[in-house]
Amino acid sequence: MQSCNKNIQDLIDLAEKLLALSDTGDIDRNDDSCGVLYGIARDMAYKLLAEAEKEKNKHLDTGKWD
């Protein structure tokens, strides 16, 4: 896999881990301010995931993704 594609895939994987951590953290939290923190993390993870998937699809469409 080309390094540019690997980096995109790594970002997708990282965003998915951040989503899982946000879910776990939200379940385990003990106050509202932690809920805000995990909500922000979840929101950022969804944004990163969407942009990374969009870029991956561009690479797939142009034949640049192996």
C-alpha atoms as a PDB file:
ATOM      1  CA  MET A   1       0.000   0.000   0.000  1.00  0.00           C
ATOM      2  CA  GLN A   2       1.306   3.438  -0.884  1.00  0.00           C
ATOM      3  CA  SER A   3       2.245   5.572   2.109  1.00  0.00           C
ATOM      4  CA  CYS A   4      -0.380   8.216   1.234  1.00  0.00           C
ATOM      5  CA  ASN A   5      -3.087   5.530   1.263  1.00  0.00           C
ATOM      6  CA  LYS A   6      -1.718   3.943   4.429  1.00  0.00           C
ATOM      7  CA  ASN A   7      -1.919   7.296   6.177  1.00  0.00           C
ATOM      8  CA  ILE A   8      -5.552   7.699   5.159  1.00  0.00           C
ATOM      9  CA  GLN A   9      -6.343   4.167   6.343  1.00  0.00           C
ATOM     10  CA  ASP A  10      -4.498   4.815   9.614  1.00  0.00           C
ATOM     11  CA  LEU A  11      -6.619   7.928  10.124  1.00  0.00           C
ATOM     12  CA  ILE A  12      -9.795   5.925   9.490  1.00  0.00           C
ATOM     13  CA  ASP A  13      -8.651   3.345  12.033  1.00  0.00           C
ATOM     14  CA  LEU A  14      -7.776   6.074  14.536  1.00  0.00           C
ATOM     15  CA  ALA A  15     -11.165   7.768  14.119  1.00  0.00           C
ATOM     16  CA  GLU A  16     -12.904   4.427  14.713  1.00  0.00           C
ATOM     17  CA  LYS A  17     -10.845   3.912  17.893  1.00  0.00           C
ATOM     18  CA  LEU A  18     -11.735   7.427  19.025  1.00  0.00           C
ATOM     19  CA  LEU A  19     -15.428   6.649  18.500  1.00  0.00           C
ATOM     20  CA  ALA A  20     -15.106   3.483  20.582  1.00  0.00           C
ATOM     21  CA  LEU A  21     -13.242   5.369  23.319  1.00  0.00           C
ATOM     22  CA  SER A  22     -15.917   8.072  23.319  1.00  0.00           C
ATOM     23  CA  ASP A  23     -18.618   5.449  23.828  1.00  0.00           C
ATOM     24  CA  THR A  24     -16.721   3.705  26.624  1.00  0.00           C
ATOM     25  CA  GLY A  25     -15.789   6.970  28.282  1.00  0.00           C
ATOM     26  CA  ASP A  26     -19.362   8.195  28.152  1.00  0.00           C
ATOM     27  CA  ILE A  27     -20.585   5.012  29.814  1.00  0.00           C
ATOM     28  CA  ASP A  28     -17.916   5.195  32.547  1.00  0.00           C
ATOM     29  CA  ARG A  29     -18.077   8.946  33.217  1.00  0.00           C
ATOM     30  CA  ASN A  30     -18.967  10.275  36.629  1.00  0.00           C
ATOM     31  CA  ASP A  31     -19.954  13.861  35.852  1.00  0.00           C
ATOM     32  CA  ASP A  32     -21.427  16.061  33.129  1.00  0.00           C
ATOM     33  CA  SER A  33     -18.163  17.745  32.164  1.00  0.00           C
ATOM     34  CA  CYS A  34     -16.739  14.368  31.150  1.00  0.00           C
ATOM     35  CA  GLY A  35     -19.825  13.924  28.990  1.00  0.00           C
ATOM     36  CA  VAL A  36     -18.986  17.164  27.215  1.00  0.00           C
ATOM     37  CA  LEU A  37     -15.430  15.955  26.639  1.00  0.00           C
ATOM     38  CA  TYR A  38     -16.541  12.645  25.159  1.00  0.00           C
ATOM     39  CA  GLY A  39     -19.173  14.405  23.074  1.00  0.00           C
ATOM     40  CA  ILE A  40     -16.512  16.653  21.563  1.00  0.00           C
ATOM     41  CA  ALA A  41     -14.266  13.645  20.913  1.00  0.00           C
ATOM     42  CA  ARG A  42     -17.151  11.796  19.235  1.00  0.00           C
ATOM     43  CA  ASP A  43     -18.004  14.798  17.064  1.00  0.00           C
ATOM     44  CA  MET A  44     -14.390  15.226  15.943  1.00  0.00           C
ATOM     45  CA  ALA A  45     -14.073  11.493  15.237  1.00  0.00           C
ATOM     46  CA  TYR A  46     -17.146  11.566  12.982  1.00  0.00           C
ATOM     47  CA  LYS A  47     -15.761  14.589  11.118  1.00  0.00           C
ATOM     48  CA  LEU A  48     -12.338  12.972  10.670  1.00  0.00           C
ATOM     49  CA  LEU A  49     -13.896   9.710   9.572  1.00  0.00           C
ATOM     50  CA  ALA A  50     -16.122  11.414   7.009  1.00  0.00           C
ATOM     51  CA  GLU A  51     -13.245  13.375   5.467  1.00  0.00           C
ATOM     52  CA  ALA A  52     -10.905  10.383   5.430  1.00  0.00           C
ATOM     53  CA  GLU A  53     -13.559   8.173   3.810  1.00  0.00           C
ATOM     54  CA  LYS A  54     -14.209  10.894   1.223  1.00  0.00           C
ATOM     55  CA  GLU A  55     -10.486  11.037   0.410  1.00  0.00           C
ATOM     56  CA  LYS A  56     -10.264   7.235   0.248  1.00  0.00           C
ATOM     57  CA  ASN A  57     -13.179   7.173  -2.184  1.00  0.00           C
ATOM     58  CA  LYS A  58     -11.442   9.761  -4.384  1.00  0.00           C
ATOM     59  CA  HIS A  59      -8.361   7.554  -4.475  1.00  0.00           C
ATOM     60  CA  LEU A  60     -10.501   4.510  -5.268  1.00  0.00           C
ATOM     61  CA  ASP A  61     -12.333   6.345  -8.074  1.00  0.00           C
ATOM     62  CA  THR A  62      -9.079   7.461  -9.695  1.00  0.00           C
ATOM     63  CA  GLY A  63      -7.376   4.082  -9.341  1.00  0.00           C
ATOM     64  CA  LYS A  64      -4.819   5.362  -6.821  1.00  0.00           C
ATOM     65  CA  TRP A  65      -5.883   2.985  -4.028  1.00  0.00           C
ATOM     66  CA  ASP A  66      -4.216  -0.422  -4.108  1.00  0.00           C
END
